[in-house]
N, C-alpha and C. Protein backbone atom coordinates (compact mmCIF):
# COMPACT_ATOMS: atom_id res chain seq x y z
N MET A 1 0.85 -1.18 0.00
CA MET A 1 0.00 0.00 0.00
C MET A 1 0.89 1.24 0.00
N SER A 2 0.68 2.12 -0.94
CA SER A 2 1.50 3.32 -1.00
C SER A 2 0.88 4.41 -0.13
N ARG A 3 1.72 5.22 0.38
CA ARG A 3 1.29 6.30 1.26
C ARG A 3 1.45 7.61 0.52
N THR A 4 0.39 8.37 0.44
CA THR A 4 0.49 9.66 -0.24
C THR A 4 1.10 10.67 0.71
N LYS A 5 1.94 11.52 0.16
CA LYS A 5 2.59 12.53 0.99
C LYS A 5 1.61 13.66 1.27
N THR A 6 1.48 13.99 2.54
CA THR A 6 0.61 15.10 2.91
C THR A 6 1.46 16.35 3.03
N ALA A 7 0.84 17.48 2.85
CA ALA A 7 1.56 18.75 2.98
C ALA A 7 1.93 18.98 4.44
N ASP A 8 3.08 19.58 4.65
CA ASP A 8 3.48 19.90 6.02
C ASP A 8 2.49 20.89 6.60
N ARG A 9 2.04 20.62 7.81
CA ARG A 9 1.10 21.52 8.47
C ARG A 9 1.87 22.58 9.25
N TYR A 10 3.03 22.23 9.76
CA TYR A 10 3.78 23.14 10.63
C TYR A 10 5.25 23.05 10.25
N ILE A 11 5.90 24.21 10.11
CA ILE A 11 7.33 24.26 9.81
C ILE A 11 8.00 25.22 10.78
N ALA A 12 9.02 24.72 11.46
CA ALA A 12 9.86 25.56 12.33
C ALA A 12 11.26 25.58 11.73
N ARG A 13 11.79 26.76 11.56
CA ARG A 13 13.16 26.91 11.05
C ARG A 13 14.04 27.39 12.19
N ILE A 14 15.15 26.69 12.39
CA ILE A 14 16.11 27.08 13.42
C ILE A 14 17.35 27.58 12.69
N ASN A 15 17.65 28.85 12.88
CA ASN A 15 18.77 29.49 12.19
C ASN A 15 19.93 29.68 13.16
N LEU A 16 21.13 29.64 12.60
CA LEU A 16 22.36 29.87 13.35
C LEU A 16 22.94 31.18 12.85
N THR A 17 23.23 32.10 13.78
CA THR A 17 23.71 33.42 13.38
C THR A 17 25.12 33.66 13.92
N SER A 18 25.89 34.36 13.13
CA SER A 18 27.22 34.81 13.53
C SER A 18 27.33 36.23 12.99
N GLY A 19 27.08 37.21 13.87
CA GLY A 19 27.03 38.61 13.41
C GLY A 19 25.85 38.78 12.48
N SER A 20 26.11 39.26 11.25
CA SER A 20 25.03 39.46 10.28
C SER A 20 24.83 38.24 9.38
N ASP A 21 25.67 37.21 9.54
CA ASP A 21 25.57 35.98 8.74
C ASP A 21 24.55 35.04 9.38
N VAL A 22 23.45 34.76 8.68
CA VAL A 22 22.39 33.90 9.20
C VAL A 22 22.29 32.67 8.31
N ARG A 23 22.46 31.47 8.90
CA ARG A 23 22.43 30.21 8.16
C ARG A 23 21.28 29.34 8.65
N ARG A 24 20.78 28.48 7.77
CA ARG A 24 19.68 27.57 8.09
C ARG A 24 20.26 26.35 8.79
N PHE A 25 20.18 26.31 10.11
CA PHE A 25 20.79 25.22 10.88
C PHE A 25 19.99 23.93 10.77
N CYS A 26 18.69 23.99 11.02
CA CYS A 26 17.84 22.82 10.83
C CYS A 26 16.40 23.26 10.65
N GLU A 27 15.60 22.33 10.15
CA GLU A 27 14.17 22.57 9.96
C GLU A 27 13.41 21.41 10.58
N VAL A 28 12.26 21.74 11.18
CA VAL A 28 11.37 20.74 11.74
C VAL A 28 10.04 20.86 11.00
N HIS A 29 9.62 19.77 10.36
CA HIS A 29 8.36 19.75 9.64
C HIS A 29 7.44 18.75 10.34
N ILE A 30 6.18 19.14 10.56
CA ILE A 30 5.20 18.27 11.19
C ILE A 30 3.98 18.22 10.29
N ASP A 31 3.52 16.99 9.96
CA ASP A 31 2.37 16.87 9.08
C ASP A 31 1.09 16.60 9.87
N ASP A 32 0.00 16.35 9.16
CA ASP A 32 -1.31 16.16 9.79
C ASP A 32 -1.39 14.95 10.71
N SER A 33 -0.48 13.99 10.55
CA SER A 33 -0.49 12.78 11.38
C SER A 33 0.46 12.88 12.57
N ASP A 34 1.00 14.08 12.84
CA ASP A 34 2.00 14.29 13.88
C ASP A 34 3.32 13.58 13.56
N ASP A 35 3.57 13.29 12.29
CA ASP A 35 4.88 12.79 11.89
C ASP A 35 5.82 13.99 11.88
N VAL A 36 7.00 13.82 12.49
CA VAL A 36 7.96 14.91 12.64
C VAL A 36 9.19 14.59 11.81
N TYR A 37 9.65 15.55 11.01
CA TYR A 37 10.84 15.39 10.19
C TYR A 37 11.81 16.49 10.56
N VAL A 38 13.03 16.12 10.91
CA VAL A 38 14.07 17.09 11.26
C VAL A 38 15.22 16.88 10.28
N PHE A 39 15.65 17.94 9.62
CA PHE A 39 16.78 17.80 8.72
C PHE A 39 17.58 19.09 8.68
N GLN A 40 18.79 18.97 8.16
CA GLN A 40 19.68 20.11 8.06
C GLN A 40 19.91 20.42 6.59
N PRO A 41 19.35 21.52 6.09
CA PRO A 41 19.60 21.88 4.69
C PRO A 41 21.02 22.42 4.54
N ARG A 42 21.81 21.74 3.74
CA ARG A 42 23.20 22.17 3.56
C ARG A 42 23.68 21.77 2.18
N LYS A 43 24.80 22.31 1.80
CA LYS A 43 25.39 22.00 0.50
C LYS A 43 25.77 20.52 0.51
N GLY A 44 25.48 19.83 -0.58
CA GLY A 44 25.75 18.39 -0.62
C GLY A 44 24.57 17.61 -0.06
N GLY A 45 24.79 16.39 0.37
CA GLY A 45 23.71 15.54 0.89
C GLY A 45 23.25 15.96 2.26
N SER A 46 21.97 15.80 2.53
CA SER A 46 21.43 16.17 3.83
C SER A 46 21.10 14.91 4.64
N VAL A 47 21.04 15.08 5.95
CA VAL A 47 20.67 14.00 6.85
C VAL A 47 19.31 14.38 7.42
N LYS A 48 18.36 13.42 7.37
CA LYS A 48 17.01 13.70 7.85
C LYS A 48 16.60 12.61 8.82
N VAL A 49 16.03 13.02 9.95
CA VAL A 49 15.48 12.08 10.92
C VAL A 49 13.98 12.27 10.91
N SER A 50 13.22 11.17 10.87
CA SER A 50 11.77 11.27 10.91
C SER A 50 11.24 10.51 12.11
N TYR A 51 10.23 11.06 12.72
CA TYR A 51 9.57 10.47 13.88
C TYR A 51 8.09 10.39 13.52
N HIS A 52 7.55 9.16 13.45
CA HIS A 52 6.20 8.96 12.95
C HIS A 52 5.20 8.75 14.07
N GLU A 53 3.94 8.99 13.75
CA GLU A 53 2.85 8.86 14.71
C GLU A 53 2.86 7.50 15.39
N SER A 54 3.27 6.46 14.68
CA SER A 54 3.30 5.11 15.23
C SER A 54 4.41 4.96 16.28
N GLY A 55 5.33 5.92 16.36
CA GLY A 55 6.45 5.83 17.28
C GLY A 55 7.73 5.38 16.60
N GLN A 56 7.68 5.07 15.30
CA GLN A 56 8.89 4.66 14.60
C GLN A 56 9.75 5.86 14.27
N ARG A 57 11.07 5.64 14.33
CA ARG A 57 12.02 6.67 13.92
C ARG A 57 12.91 6.11 12.83
N HIS A 58 13.20 6.95 11.83
CA HIS A 58 14.05 6.55 10.72
C HIS A 58 15.13 7.61 10.51
N LEU A 59 16.23 7.17 9.94
CA LEU A 59 17.33 8.06 9.58
C LEU A 59 17.54 7.91 8.09
N LYS A 60 17.66 9.02 7.37
CA LYS A 60 17.89 8.99 5.93
C LYS A 60 19.05 9.92 5.61
N ILE A 61 20.02 9.40 4.87
CA ILE A 61 21.19 10.19 4.48
C ILE A 61 21.17 10.37 2.98
N GLY A 62 21.13 11.63 2.53
CA GLY A 62 21.10 11.92 1.10
C GLY A 62 19.87 11.32 0.45
N SER A 63 20.06 10.71 -0.73
CA SER A 63 18.93 10.12 -1.44
C SER A 63 18.83 8.61 -1.19
N GLY A 64 19.61 8.09 -0.24
CA GLY A 64 19.59 6.66 0.08
C GLY A 64 18.30 6.26 0.77
N PRO A 65 18.10 4.95 0.96
CA PRO A 65 16.88 4.47 1.62
C PRO A 65 16.87 4.84 3.10
N ALA A 66 15.67 4.96 3.64
CA ALA A 66 15.53 5.25 5.07
C ALA A 66 15.95 4.03 5.87
N MET A 67 16.69 4.25 6.93
CA MET A 67 17.15 3.17 7.80
C MET A 67 16.34 3.21 9.09
N PHE A 68 15.86 2.06 9.52
CA PHE A 68 15.10 2.00 10.76
C PHE A 68 16.03 2.32 11.92
N VAL A 69 15.65 3.22 12.79
CA VAL A 69 16.47 3.57 13.94
C VAL A 69 15.92 2.97 15.21
N MET A 70 14.68 3.25 15.54
CA MET A 70 14.11 2.71 16.77
C MET A 70 12.60 2.89 16.77
N HIS A 71 11.95 2.19 17.65
CA HIS A 71 10.51 2.34 17.85
C HIS A 71 10.32 2.91 19.25
N SER A 72 9.73 4.06 19.35
CA SER A 72 9.52 4.70 20.65
C SER A 72 8.04 5.02 20.81
N SER A 73 7.71 5.83 21.75
CA SER A 73 6.31 6.11 22.08
C SER A 73 5.64 7.03 21.06
N ARG A 74 4.32 6.86 20.92
CA ARG A 74 3.52 7.78 20.10
C ARG A 74 3.54 9.15 20.78
N PRO A 75 3.38 10.24 20.04
CA PRO A 75 3.49 11.58 20.63
C PRO A 75 2.61 11.80 21.86
N GLU A 76 1.37 11.32 21.82
CA GLU A 76 0.47 11.57 22.95
C GLU A 76 0.84 10.74 24.18
N TRP A 77 1.71 9.73 24.02
CA TRP A 77 2.12 8.91 25.16
C TRP A 77 3.38 9.45 25.83
N ILE A 78 4.06 10.35 25.21
CA ILE A 78 5.32 10.85 25.75
C ILE A 78 5.03 11.76 26.94
N ARG A 79 5.56 11.44 28.09
CA ARG A 79 5.35 12.28 29.27
C ARG A 79 6.55 13.18 29.51
N THR A 80 7.72 12.73 29.16
CA THR A 80 8.90 13.60 29.31
C THR A 80 9.32 14.08 27.93
N GLU A 81 10.25 13.38 27.29
CA GLU A 81 10.67 13.80 25.96
C GLU A 81 11.34 12.67 25.21
N GLU A 82 11.34 12.80 23.90
CA GLU A 82 12.08 11.92 22.99
C GLU A 82 13.07 12.82 22.25
N ARG A 83 14.36 12.53 22.40
CA ARG A 83 15.37 13.30 21.68
C ARG A 83 15.41 12.79 20.24
N LEU A 84 15.23 13.70 19.29
CA LEU A 84 15.18 13.30 17.89
C LEU A 84 16.48 13.53 17.14
N TRP A 85 17.13 14.66 17.41
CA TRP A 85 18.23 15.07 16.55
C TRP A 85 19.17 15.98 17.31
N SER A 86 20.45 15.84 17.09
CA SER A 86 21.41 16.80 17.65
C SER A 86 22.58 16.94 16.67
N LYS A 87 23.18 18.11 16.69
CA LYS A 87 24.27 18.40 15.76
C LYS A 87 25.12 19.53 16.33
N SER A 88 26.45 19.40 16.19
CA SER A 88 27.34 20.47 16.64
C SER A 88 27.34 21.58 15.59
N PHE A 89 27.96 22.69 15.94
CA PHE A 89 27.95 23.87 15.09
C PHE A 89 29.18 23.97 14.18
N GLU A 90 29.97 22.91 14.10
CA GLU A 90 31.24 22.95 13.36
C GLU A 90 31.07 23.14 11.86
N ASN A 91 29.90 22.79 11.31
CA ASN A 91 29.72 22.88 9.86
C ASN A 91 29.04 24.18 9.43
N PHE A 92 29.19 25.23 10.19
CA PHE A 92 28.54 26.52 9.91
C PHE A 92 28.77 26.96 8.47
N ALA A 93 29.99 26.85 7.97
CA ALA A 93 30.32 27.33 6.62
C ALA A 93 29.59 26.56 5.53
N SER A 94 29.20 25.30 5.77
CA SER A 94 28.54 24.51 4.73
C SER A 94 27.02 24.63 4.78
N LEU A 95 26.48 25.38 5.76
CA LEU A 95 25.04 25.56 5.85
C LEU A 95 24.56 26.57 4.81
N LEU A 96 23.33 26.39 4.35
CA LEU A 96 22.74 27.32 3.39
C LEU A 96 22.33 28.60 4.08
N PRO A 97 22.43 29.73 3.39
CA PRO A 97 22.00 31.00 4.01
C PRO A 97 20.49 31.03 4.18
N TYR A 98 20.03 31.76 5.19
CA TYR A 98 18.60 31.95 5.41
C TYR A 98 18.18 33.19 4.63
N ASN A 99 17.18 33.01 3.76
CA ASN A 99 16.73 34.11 2.91
C ASN A 99 15.27 34.45 3.15
N GLY A 100 14.82 34.32 4.40
CA GLY A 100 13.45 34.69 4.73
C GLY A 100 12.41 33.67 4.33
N GLU A 101 12.81 32.39 4.18
CA GLU A 101 11.84 31.35 3.82
C GLU A 101 10.70 31.33 4.83
N ALA A 102 9.48 31.13 4.33
CA ALA A 102 8.28 31.16 5.18
C ALA A 102 8.30 30.00 6.18
N ALA A 103 7.74 30.27 7.37
CA ALA A 103 7.67 29.25 8.41
C ALA A 103 6.63 29.66 9.44
N ASP A 104 6.17 28.68 10.21
CA ASP A 104 5.25 28.96 11.31
C ASP A 104 6.01 29.50 12.52
N ALA A 105 7.26 29.10 12.65
CA ALA A 105 8.12 29.59 13.74
C ALA A 105 9.55 29.70 13.20
N VAL A 106 10.21 30.79 13.52
CA VAL A 106 11.62 30.98 13.18
C VAL A 106 12.35 31.27 14.48
N LEU A 107 13.31 30.42 14.81
CA LEU A 107 14.10 30.57 16.03
C LEU A 107 15.55 30.81 15.63
N GLU A 108 16.22 31.68 16.35
CA GLU A 108 17.62 31.97 16.04
C GLU A 108 18.51 31.60 17.20
N ILE A 109 19.65 30.99 16.87
CA ILE A 109 20.67 30.62 17.84
C ILE A 109 21.92 31.40 17.48
N GLU A 110 22.44 32.16 18.43
CA GLU A 110 23.72 32.85 18.20
C GLU A 110 24.83 31.82 18.31
N LEU A 111 25.72 31.78 17.32
CA LEU A 111 26.82 30.84 17.32
C LEU A 111 27.65 31.04 18.58
N PRO A 112 27.68 30.04 19.48
CA PRO A 112 28.45 30.21 20.72
C PRO A 112 29.95 30.33 20.41
N SER A 113 30.64 31.13 21.18
CA SER A 113 32.07 31.26 20.99
C SER A 113 32.76 30.01 21.52
N ALA A 114 33.82 29.62 20.82
CA ALA A 114 34.59 28.46 21.26
C ALA A 114 35.38 28.86 22.50
N ALA A 115 35.27 28.06 23.53
CA ALA A 115 35.96 28.36 24.79
C ALA A 115 36.72 27.13 25.25
N GLY A 116 38.03 27.14 25.02
CA GLY A 116 38.86 26.03 25.48
C GLY A 116 38.44 24.71 24.86
N ASP A 117 38.41 23.68 25.68
CA ASP A 117 38.03 22.35 25.23
C ASP A 117 36.53 22.14 25.37
N THR A 118 35.76 22.89 24.61
CA THR A 118 34.30 22.77 24.67
C THR A 118 33.73 22.48 23.29
N ILE A 119 32.58 21.84 23.28
CA ILE A 119 31.82 21.60 22.06
C ILE A 119 30.40 22.05 22.33
N ALA A 120 29.89 22.94 21.48
CA ALA A 120 28.51 23.38 21.60
C ALA A 120 27.69 22.73 20.49
N PHE A 121 26.46 22.37 20.81
CA PHE A 121 25.59 21.75 19.82
C PHE A 121 24.14 22.03 20.15
N ALA A 122 23.28 21.81 19.15
CA ALA A 122 21.84 21.99 19.34
C ALA A 122 21.17 20.62 19.35
N GLN A 123 20.05 20.56 20.04
CA GLN A 123 19.28 19.32 20.15
C GLN A 123 17.81 19.64 19.94
N VAL A 124 17.10 18.80 19.20
CA VAL A 124 15.66 18.94 18.99
C VAL A 124 14.98 17.72 19.61
N SER A 125 13.99 17.97 20.47
CA SER A 125 13.23 16.91 21.12
C SER A 125 11.74 17.19 20.96
N VAL A 126 10.93 16.13 21.10
CA VAL A 126 9.48 16.28 21.15
C VAL A 126 8.99 15.68 22.45
N GLY A 127 7.84 16.13 22.92
CA GLY A 127 7.28 15.58 24.15
C GLY A 127 6.32 16.53 24.79
N GLN A 128 6.15 16.38 26.09
CA GLN A 128 5.23 17.22 26.85
C GLN A 128 5.95 18.05 27.91
N PHE A 129 6.95 17.46 28.59
CA PHE A 129 7.67 18.15 29.66
C PHE A 129 9.17 18.07 29.39
N PHE A 130 9.86 19.19 29.58
CA PHE A 130 11.28 19.26 29.27
C PHE A 130 12.03 19.88 30.44
N ASP A 131 13.00 19.18 30.96
CA ASP A 131 13.88 19.72 31.99
C ASP A 131 15.21 20.04 31.34
N PRO A 132 15.81 21.18 31.68
CA PRO A 132 17.14 21.48 31.12
C PRO A 132 18.10 20.33 31.45
N GLU A 133 18.85 19.94 30.44
CA GLU A 133 19.76 18.82 30.60
C GLU A 133 21.06 19.27 31.25
N GLY A 134 21.59 18.43 32.08
CA GLY A 134 22.88 18.68 32.67
C GLY A 134 23.38 17.44 33.38
N TRP A 135 24.62 17.12 33.20
CA TRP A 135 25.22 15.99 33.89
C TRP A 135 26.73 16.15 33.90
N THR A 136 27.36 15.40 34.78
CA THR A 136 28.82 15.35 34.86
C THR A 136 29.22 13.89 34.97
N MET A 137 30.20 13.48 34.15
CA MET A 137 30.67 12.11 34.19
C MET A 137 32.10 12.05 33.66
N ASP A 138 32.97 11.39 34.39
CA ASP A 138 34.37 11.21 33.98
C ASP A 138 35.05 12.51 33.57
N GLY A 139 34.80 13.57 34.31
CA GLY A 139 35.45 14.85 34.04
C GLY A 139 34.85 15.63 32.89
N VAL A 140 33.73 15.18 32.34
CA VAL A 140 33.05 15.89 31.27
C VAL A 140 31.72 16.38 31.80
N ARG A 141 31.41 17.62 31.48
CA ARG A 141 30.16 18.22 31.95
C ARG A 141 29.32 18.63 30.75
N GLN A 142 28.02 18.28 30.78
CA GLN A 142 27.09 18.78 29.77
C GLN A 142 26.16 19.76 30.46
N ALA A 143 26.07 20.96 29.90
CA ALA A 143 25.23 22.01 30.48
C ALA A 143 24.32 22.59 29.40
N THR A 144 23.11 22.95 29.78
CA THR A 144 22.18 23.62 28.88
C THR A 144 22.45 25.11 28.91
N LEU A 145 22.78 25.68 27.75
CA LEU A 145 23.01 27.11 27.65
C LEU A 145 21.71 27.87 27.42
N ARG A 146 20.85 27.33 26.56
CA ARG A 146 19.55 27.93 26.25
C ARG A 146 18.56 26.82 25.92
N GLN A 147 17.29 27.11 26.17
CA GLN A 147 16.24 26.16 25.85
C GLN A 147 14.99 26.93 25.45
N LYS A 148 14.38 26.53 24.35
CA LYS A 148 13.14 27.16 23.87
C LYS A 148 12.13 26.05 23.60
N ILE A 149 10.92 26.21 24.16
CA ILE A 149 9.86 25.22 23.97
C ILE A 149 8.76 25.87 23.15
N VAL A 150 8.32 25.16 22.11
CA VAL A 150 7.28 25.65 21.21
C VAL A 150 6.13 24.65 21.22
N CYS A 151 4.93 25.12 21.50
CA CYS A 151 3.73 24.27 21.44
C CYS A 151 3.16 24.36 20.04
N VAL A 152 2.98 23.20 19.40
CA VAL A 152 2.42 23.15 18.06
C VAL A 152 0.91 23.01 18.20
N ARG A 153 0.22 24.12 18.16
CA ARG A 153 -1.23 24.13 18.40
C ARG A 153 -2.01 23.34 17.36
N GLU A 154 -1.49 23.23 16.15
CA GLU A 154 -2.16 22.50 15.08
C GLU A 154 -2.06 20.98 15.26
N SER A 155 -1.24 20.53 16.19
CA SER A 155 -0.99 19.11 16.38
C SER A 155 -2.16 18.43 17.10
N PRO A 156 -2.67 17.31 16.56
CA PRO A 156 -3.76 16.60 17.24
C PRO A 156 -3.40 16.16 18.66
N SER A 157 -2.13 15.84 18.90
CA SER A 157 -1.72 15.40 20.25
C SER A 157 -1.08 16.53 21.05
N GLN A 158 -1.23 17.79 20.58
CA GLN A 158 -0.64 18.95 21.25
C GLN A 158 0.87 18.77 21.45
N LEU A 159 1.52 18.30 20.41
CA LEU A 159 2.96 18.05 20.41
C LEU A 159 3.72 19.33 20.77
N ARG A 160 4.78 19.18 21.51
CA ARG A 160 5.67 20.29 21.85
C ARG A 160 7.06 19.99 21.33
N LEU A 161 7.73 21.03 20.86
CA LEU A 161 9.12 20.94 20.41
C LEU A 161 10.01 21.63 21.43
N CYS A 162 11.16 21.06 21.67
CA CYS A 162 12.15 21.70 22.54
C CYS A 162 13.44 21.82 21.74
N ILE A 163 13.95 23.03 21.63
CA ILE A 163 15.22 23.29 20.96
C ILE A 163 16.18 23.76 22.03
N ARG A 164 17.28 23.03 22.19
CA ARG A 164 18.28 23.36 23.21
C ARG A 164 19.63 23.65 22.58
N VAL A 165 20.39 24.50 23.24
CA VAL A 165 21.80 24.68 22.93
C VAL A 165 22.54 24.12 24.14
N LEU A 166 23.39 23.13 23.89
CA LEU A 166 24.12 22.44 24.95
C LEU A 166 25.62 22.63 24.76
N ARG A 167 26.36 22.48 25.85
CA ARG A 167 27.81 22.58 25.77
C ARG A 167 28.43 21.44 26.57
N LEU A 168 29.40 20.76 25.94
CA LEU A 168 30.23 19.77 26.62
C LEU A 168 31.55 20.44 26.94
N SER A 169 32.04 20.25 28.16
CA SER A 169 33.31 20.88 28.51
C SER A 169 34.15 19.95 29.38
N GLN A 170 35.45 20.10 29.24
CA GLN A 170 36.42 19.34 30.03
C GLN A 170 37.76 20.04 29.87
N ASP A 171 38.57 20.02 30.95
CA ASP A 171 39.91 20.57 30.77
C ASP A 171 40.92 19.44 30.76
N GLY A 172 42.16 19.76 30.46
CA GLY A 172 43.21 18.76 30.30
C GLY A 172 43.46 17.93 31.54
N ASP A 173 43.18 18.46 32.73
CA ASP A 173 43.42 17.72 33.97
C ASP A 173 42.22 16.91 34.42
N GLY A 174 41.15 16.92 33.61
CA GLY A 174 39.95 16.20 34.01
C GLY A 174 39.04 17.01 34.91
N ARG A 175 39.47 18.25 35.24
CA ARG A 175 38.62 19.13 36.06
C ARG A 175 37.53 19.73 35.19
N ILE A 176 36.40 19.98 35.78
CA ILE A 176 35.28 20.56 35.06
C ILE A 176 35.53 22.06 34.88
N THR A 177 35.28 22.54 33.64
CA THR A 177 35.38 23.97 33.38
C THR A 177 33.99 24.56 33.38
N SER A 178 33.90 25.86 33.54
CA SER A 178 32.57 26.49 33.56
C SER A 178 31.99 26.46 32.16
N GLY A 179 30.67 26.21 32.06
CA GLY A 179 30.02 26.09 30.75
C GLY A 179 28.97 27.08 30.66
């Protein structure tokens, strides 16, 4: 049985800015069935993660076939969150520029400055409740720098998106650095 593609009902664009340079970091598309697609528009092949109403998640790289990733909860069953996608900011130069493309929500992330032995990245999650992430293990600390929660009112299950900017940090002696 073939599945007809439905038009995206909701589009959120997350842009990465560095001064006046604004790049399209990732896009979140949600259709009428609460299927969520997260991808990074960039030069060359793109990576797309999809999260379907049934709870299935798939990963697709370029024009290759979708690979099954995992089966998780349906959107209305999620009480905390399901992490869908994360990516560091190292590929800023290969991202496409943002030219005012239409969207239901446009969020901007200022490119964090590199500080010592740190890695900053963004994470997209879906769910109902989101606590800022933070942990320390083996001399590495993960801290939430910013978090934005968006309620998708058009969603039958009242799906919520959480976009976070996180930082991993560690110094050469294994001591935790400020993040």
